[in-house]
Amino acid sequence: DGLFATPSSNLFYLTGIDFWRSERLTALVLFADRDPVVICPAFEESRLRGMSAVSKVVPWAESEDPFAKAASLFPGASGTLAIEPSTAFDDVERLLAVRPGWKPVSGGPLFASVRMVKTPEEIEAMRRAIAVALPRFRRASGSAERTSSSSVPLRRSRTGLRPRARSRGTRRC
């Protein structure tokens, strides 16, 4: 009946929204018979409108319960709600506490089937990326057995690969 997706690669794929997850709810709420809606913190509304293909944005204020506001967009008291696979369990719990008649199911199969379909432009972009990357990977891995620490800088210069900068803080995954 519906779909609920928080910031993730799947949300980006569907909407163009490139947000990190945070303690403040940003989510796509989608039902078959309605236009898609994105709910977000009010202070993020203008930034989100600039990056999303979704025209209906519902902002929530710090004094509001964003999950109650998201649940108010549901078309009825009960139904089945596909959940984007990487959505936090806490978010689903808080949403369904407001709409207990809704049954959550994994949205994994839905996203897998949608993302397998590629436009000709997407296929061409993938081909170009492979054409650029594959020769470098082959050059880098072809002589791995003979690599010594003194030859690493030379190998990097031949492959075009650069050393990663050292991190001074926590790494983001």
Protein backbone atom coordinates (compact mmCIF):
# COMPACT_ATOMS: atom_id res chain seq x y z
CA ASP A 1 0.00 0.00 0.00
CA GLY A 2 2.84 2.37 0.83
CA LEU A 3 6.55 2.99 1.18
CA PHE A 4 8.62 4.70 3.88
CA ALA A 5 12.28 5.53 3.18
CA THR A 6 14.79 7.53 5.21
CA PRO A 7 18.14 8.89 3.91
CA SER A 8 20.01 6.16 2.05
CA SER A 9 21.31 5.33 -1.40
CA ASN A 10 17.79 4.10 -2.20
CA LEU A 11 16.24 7.43 -1.22
CA PHE A 12 18.85 9.20 -3.35
CA TYR A 13 18.07 6.88 -6.27
CA LEU A 14 14.33 7.64 -6.06
CA THR A 15 14.40 11.35 -5.26
CA GLY A 16 17.87 12.88 -5.59
CA ILE A 17 17.88 13.65 -1.86
CA ASP A 18 21.46 13.36 -0.65
CA PHE A 19 21.10 13.74 3.13
CA TRP A 20 22.90 11.88 5.90
CA ARG A 21 20.83 10.12 8.51
CA SER A 22 20.40 12.09 11.68
CA GLU A 23 18.28 12.22 14.80
CA ARG A 24 15.88 14.51 12.89
CA LEU A 25 13.49 12.67 10.59
CA THR A 26 13.73 13.15 6.85
CA ALA A 27 11.72 10.58 4.92
CA LEU A 28 9.86 9.80 1.73
CA VAL A 29 6.25 8.74 2.26
CA LEU A 30 4.76 7.21 -0.87
CA PHE A 31 1.38 5.62 -1.55
CA ALA A 32 0.14 4.16 -4.83
CA ASP A 33 -2.80 6.57 -5.23
CA ARG A 34 -1.04 9.77 -4.11
CA ASP A 35 1.85 11.99 -5.07
CA PRO A 36 5.10 11.32 -3.19
CA VAL A 37 5.75 13.44 -0.11
CA VAL A 38 8.99 14.18 1.67
CA ILE A 39 8.87 15.16 5.32
CA CYS A 40 11.85 17.04 6.74
CA PRO A 41 12.93 19.45 9.47
CA ALA A 42 11.74 22.99 8.65
CA PHE A 43 15.32 24.31 8.60
CA GLU A 44 16.20 21.80 5.82
CA GLU A 45 13.20 22.57 3.60
CA SER A 46 14.85 24.99 1.16
CA ARG A 47 17.98 22.84 0.77
CA LEU A 48 15.85 19.75 0.18
CA ARG A 49 13.66 21.46 -2.42
CA GLY A 50 16.82 22.34 -4.33
CA MET A 51 17.94 18.73 -4.66
CA SER A 52 14.76 16.66 -4.87
CA ALA A 53 12.52 15.64 -7.75
CA VAL A 54 9.63 15.43 -5.24
CA SER A 55 7.56 18.61 -5.32
CA LYS A 56 5.51 18.09 -2.16
CA VAL A 57 7.61 18.77 0.92
CA VAL A 58 6.09 18.80 4.41
CA PRO A 59 8.34 20.53 6.95
CA TRP A 60 8.07 19.86 10.67
CA ALA A 61 8.95 22.26 13.47
CA GLU A 62 11.12 21.41 16.47
CA SER A 63 8.00 21.55 18.66
CA GLU A 64 6.22 18.87 16.57
CA ASP A 65 6.46 15.08 16.57
CA PRO A 66 7.78 14.35 13.06
CA PHE A 67 6.56 10.75 13.20
CA ALA A 68 3.01 11.84 14.01
CA LYS A 69 3.22 14.34 11.16
CA ALA A 70 4.47 11.61 8.77
CA ALA A 71 1.75 9.22 9.93
CA SER A 72 -0.88 11.90 9.29
CA LEU A 73 -0.02 11.54 5.59
CA PHE A 74 -1.15 7.89 5.55
CA PRO A 75 -4.39 7.34 3.60
CA GLY A 76 -6.07 5.10 6.17
CA ALA A 77 -5.92 3.46 9.56
CA SER A 78 -4.38 0.23 8.28
CA GLY A 79 -2.39 -1.23 5.43
CA THR A 80 1.01 -2.62 4.49
CA LEU A 81 4.03 -0.35 4.54
CA ALA A 82 7.24 -1.32 2.71
CA ILE A 83 10.24 -0.09 4.69
CA GLU A 84 13.47 0.87 2.92
CA PRO A 85 15.92 -1.85 4.10
CA SER A 86 18.43 0.39 5.86
CA THR A 87 15.84 2.48 7.72
CA ALA A 88 16.48 2.45 11.46
CA PHE A 89 14.22 0.13 13.46
CA ASP A 90 13.60 2.94 15.97
CA ASP A 91 12.16 5.09 13.19
CA VAL A 92 9.77 2.32 12.15
CA GLU A 93 8.73 1.75 15.77
CA ARG A 94 8.03 5.43 16.35
CA LEU A 95 6.06 5.72 13.11
CA LEU A 96 3.94 2.64 13.77
CA ALA A 97 3.30 3.65 17.37
CA VAL A 98 1.21 6.44 15.87
CA ARG A 99 -0.35 4.21 13.18
CA PRO A 100 -0.50 0.74 14.79
CA GLY A 101 -2.83 -0.67 12.12
CA TRP A 102 -0.06 -0.59 9.54
CA LYS A 103 2.03 -3.71 8.99
CA PRO A 104 5.71 -3.16 8.11
CA VAL A 105 7.34 -5.35 5.47
CA SER A 106 10.81 -5.25 3.95
CA GLY A 107 11.11 -2.96 0.96
CA GLY A 108 14.25 -4.83 -0.12
CA PRO A 109 12.64 -6.81 -2.97
CA LEU A 110 10.91 -3.66 -4.24
CA PHE A 111 14.13 -1.65 -4.34
CA ALA A 112 16.06 -4.54 -5.89
CA SER A 113 13.59 -4.81 -8.75
CA VAL A 114 13.40 -1.05 -9.32
CA ARG A 115 17.16 -0.53 -9.28
CA MET A 116 17.82 -3.38 -11.73
CA VAL A 117 16.03 -1.45 -14.49
CA LYS A 118 18.48 0.94 -16.17
CA THR A 119 17.94 3.69 -18.72
CA PRO A 120 20.22 3.77 -21.76
CA GLU A 121 22.00 6.77 -20.18
CA GLU A 122 22.65 4.85 -16.95
CA ILE A 123 24.02 1.88 -18.89
CA GLU A 124 26.34 4.15 -20.89
CA ALA A 125 27.58 5.85 -17.69
CA MET A 126 28.32 2.44 -16.18
CA ARG A 127 30.23 1.40 -19.30
CA ARG A 128 32.33 4.58 -19.20
CA ALA A 129 33.13 4.05 -15.51
CA ILE A 130 34.22 0.47 -16.18
CA ALA A 131 36.33 1.55 -19.16
CA VAL A 132 38.20 4.04 -16.97
CA ALA A 133 38.56 1.88 -13.84
CA LEU A 134 39.24 -1.61 -15.17
CA PRO A 135 42.62 -0.95 -16.83
CA ARG A 136 43.87 0.74 -13.64
CA PHE A 137 42.73 -2.15 -11.46
CA ARG A 138 44.46 -4.59 -13.80
CA ARG A 139 47.71 -2.61 -13.73
CA ALA A 140 47.56 -2.26 -9.95
CA SER A 141 46.81 -5.93 -9.27
CA GLY A 142 48.90 -7.46 -12.05
CA SER A 143 52.17 -7.07 -10.21
CA ALA A 144 51.00 -7.31 -6.61
CA GLU A 145 53.15 -10.39 -5.97
CA ARG A 146 56.32 -8.47 -6.86
CA THR A 147 55.50 -5.31 -4.93
CA SER A 148 57.98 -4.09 -2.34
CA SER A 149 57.50 -1.07 -0.11
CA SER A 150 60.04 0.88 -2.16
CA SER A 151 58.13 0.29 -5.41
CA VAL A 152 54.70 1.42 -4.14
CA PRO A 153 55.15 5.12 -5.09
CA LEU A 154 56.24 4.10 -8.59
CA ARG A 155 53.24 1.77 -8.97
CA ARG A 156 50.88 4.53 -7.82
CA SER A 157 52.29 6.92 -10.40
CA ARG A 158 51.83 4.34 -13.18
CA THR A 159 48.23 3.55 -12.23
CA GLY A 160 47.18 7.09 -11.43
CA LEU A 161 46.12 6.03 -7.93
CA ARG A 162 46.91 8.37 -5.09
CA PRO A 163 47.51 7.52 -1.45
CA ARG A 164 44.60 8.24 0.90
CA ALA A 165 44.99 11.11 3.30
CA ARG A 166 45.35 10.06 6.89
CA SER A 167 42.32 10.72 9.02
CA ARG A 168 42.70 12.66 12.24
CA GLY A 169 39.24 11.85 13.55
CA THR A 170 36.57 9.23 13.30
CA ARG A 171 35.84 7.69 9.95
CA ARG A 172 32.42 7.83 8.39
CA CYS A 173 31.19 4.58 6.94
